[in-house]
Amino acid sequence: MWVMAIILGGLMIFFLTPSPKEAEKDFQQNSNMGLSVAIKASFISTTVHRKAIFALLLFTVSLIVIWWSHLQIELYNVAHGVRPLIDPTVQATSYMVGTTIYALVIYLFLIFKRAIKILKIR
């Protein structure tokens, strides 16, 4: 599970980081602003670019794979008469919530990091 988290985190950071060309344009335009305006500009530049679509797709596919794999575990247990200690749907739900929180923390971290960079330039 740790390997999946590291790979998911690295790919989310890669896909949510705008290209250097777009980033420099954003830094030049927004040199005089307050914290809230910098956060809004950072939110927009982090969310609205081509690679962000792939981040959303990666996140959606990850949730589908988590749900599908736990569904397969449940079907295996029923077919072979295994009594699981934990219901696989409950475990899948907790994994999906954890993945969502992890992706949200990465997303917010990138927004605030970019806002701090914008504020340091002026």
Protein backbone atom coordinates (compact mmCIF):
# COMPACT_ATOMS: atom_id res chain seq x y z
CA MET A 1 0.00 0.00 0.00
CA TRP A 2 2.92 2.36 0.71
CA VAL A 3 4.26 1.88 -2.79
CA MET A 4 0.87 2.80 -4.25
CA ALA A 5 0.73 5.91 -2.05
CA ILE A 6 4.21 7.04 -3.12
CA ILE A 7 3.47 6.49 -6.81
CA LEU A 8 0.06 8.18 -6.56
CA GLY A 9 1.56 11.13 -4.70
CA GLY A 10 4.39 11.58 -7.17
CA LEU A 11 2.09 11.42 -10.16
CA MET A 12 -0.41 13.82 -8.56
CA ILE A 13 2.39 16.32 -7.91
CA PHE A 14 3.63 15.94 -11.49
CA PHE A 15 0.18 16.35 -13.03
CA LEU A 16 -0.91 19.24 -10.78
CA THR A 17 2.25 21.29 -11.29
CA PRO A 18 1.85 23.63 -14.28
CA SER A 19 4.56 23.72 -16.92
CA PRO A 20 7.40 26.22 -16.28
CA LYS A 21 6.24 28.36 -19.19
CA GLU A 22 2.75 28.77 -17.68
CA ALA A 23 4.19 29.26 -14.20
CA GLU A 24 6.49 32.11 -15.20
CA LYS A 25 3.67 33.91 -16.99
CA ASP A 26 1.58 33.66 -13.82
CA PHE A 27 4.43 34.95 -11.63
CA GLN A 28 5.04 37.97 -13.88
CA GLN A 29 1.39 38.99 -13.97
CA ASN A 30 0.77 38.70 -10.23
CA SER A 31 3.65 40.51 -8.58
CA ASN A 32 1.64 42.90 -6.34
CA MET A 33 -1.09 41.13 -4.41
CA GLY A 34 -2.23 40.01 -0.98
CA LEU A 35 -2.38 36.50 0.42
CA SER A 36 -6.00 35.78 -0.52
CA VAL A 37 -5.48 36.97 -4.10
CA ALA A 38 -2.27 34.91 -4.33
CA ILE A 39 -4.13 31.81 -3.10
CA LYS A 40 -6.92 32.38 -5.65
CA ALA A 41 -4.40 32.84 -8.46
CA SER A 42 -2.53 29.75 -7.31
CA PHE A 43 -5.77 27.75 -7.15
CA ILE A 44 -6.70 28.76 -10.68
CA SER A 45 -3.25 28.11 -12.15
CA THR A 46 -2.98 24.74 -10.38
CA THR A 47 -6.46 23.61 -11.37
CA VAL A 48 -6.90 25.00 -14.88
CA HIS A 49 -4.24 23.53 -17.15
CA ARG A 50 -3.93 20.49 -19.39
CA LYS A 51 -2.11 18.18 -17.00
CA ALA A 52 -4.71 18.64 -14.25
CA ILE A 53 -7.17 16.58 -16.29
CA PHE A 54 -4.77 13.65 -16.05
CA ALA A 55 -4.56 14.12 -12.28
CA LEU A 56 -8.34 13.89 -12.03
CA LEU A 57 -8.34 10.84 -14.29
CA LEU A 58 -5.59 9.20 -12.20
CA PHE A 59 -7.53 9.88 -9.00
CA THR A 60 -10.76 8.47 -10.45
CA VAL A 61 -9.05 5.35 -11.78
CA SER A 62 -7.37 4.82 -8.40
CA LEU A 63 -10.71 4.91 -6.60
CA ILE A 64 -12.27 2.53 -9.13
CA VAL A 65 -9.36 0.08 -8.80
CA ILE A 66 -9.57 0.16 -4.99
CA TRP A 67 -13.30 -0.55 -5.08
CA TRP A 68 -12.98 -3.25 -7.75
CA SER A 69 -10.15 -5.08 -6.00
CA HIS A 70 -12.05 -5.23 -2.72
CA LEU A 71 -15.16 -6.39 -4.56
CA GLN A 72 -13.08 -9.22 -6.04
CA ILE A 73 -11.83 -10.14 -2.57
CA GLU A 74 -15.42 -10.33 -1.37
CA LEU A 75 -16.42 -12.54 -4.33
CA TYR A 76 -13.43 -14.80 -3.65
CA ASN A 77 -14.40 -15.12 0.01
CA VAL A 78 -17.99 -16.03 -0.88
CA ALA A 79 -16.91 -18.56 -3.52
CA HIS A 80 -14.44 -20.30 -1.21
CA GLY A 81 -16.36 -20.09 2.05
CA VAL A 82 -13.83 -17.83 3.76
CA ARG A 83 -15.09 -15.76 6.66
CA PRO A 84 -13.27 -12.43 6.54
CA LEU A 85 -12.33 -10.62 9.73
CA ILE A 86 -13.31 -7.29 8.18
CA ASP A 87 -16.00 -6.72 5.58
CA PRO A 88 -14.16 -5.87 2.32
CA THR A 89 -16.63 -3.09 1.46
CA VAL A 90 -15.89 -1.35 4.77
CA GLN A 91 -12.18 -1.73 4.15
CA ALA A 92 -12.56 -0.43 0.58
CA THR A 93 -14.49 2.58 1.83
CA SER A 94 -11.81 3.40 4.38
CA TYR A 95 -9.08 3.06 1.72
CA MET A 96 -11.02 5.31 -0.63
CA VAL A 97 -11.52 7.94 2.07
CA GLY A 98 -7.82 7.76 2.91
CA THR A 99 -6.86 8.12 -0.75
CA THR A 100 -9.18 11.10 -1.11
CA ILE A 101 -7.72 12.82 1.96
CA TYR A 102 -4.17 12.09 0.73
CA ALA A 103 -4.89 13.57 -2.71
CA LEU A 104 -6.60 16.59 -1.15
CA VAL A 105 -3.62 17.25 1.14
CA ILE A 106 -1.25 17.10 -1.84
CA TYR A 107 -3.52 19.42 -3.83
CA LEU A 108 -3.78 22.00 -1.04
CA PHE A 109 -0.04 21.78 -0.36
CA LEU A 110 0.71 22.59 -4.00
CA ILE A 111 -1.72 25.52 -3.97
CA PHE A 112 -0.22 27.06 -0.82
CA LYS A 113 3.36 26.40 -1.97
CA ARG A 114 2.65 28.20 -5.23
CA ALA A 115 0.94 31.09 -3.40
CA ILE A 116 4.01 31.51 -1.16
CA LYS A 117 6.25 31.57 -4.24
CA ILE A 118 4.06 34.26 -5.81
CA LEU A 119 4.25 36.37 -2.63
CA LYS A 120 8.04 35.97 -2.32
CA ILE A 121 8.63 37.33 -5.82
CA ARG A 122 7.33 40.80 -5.10
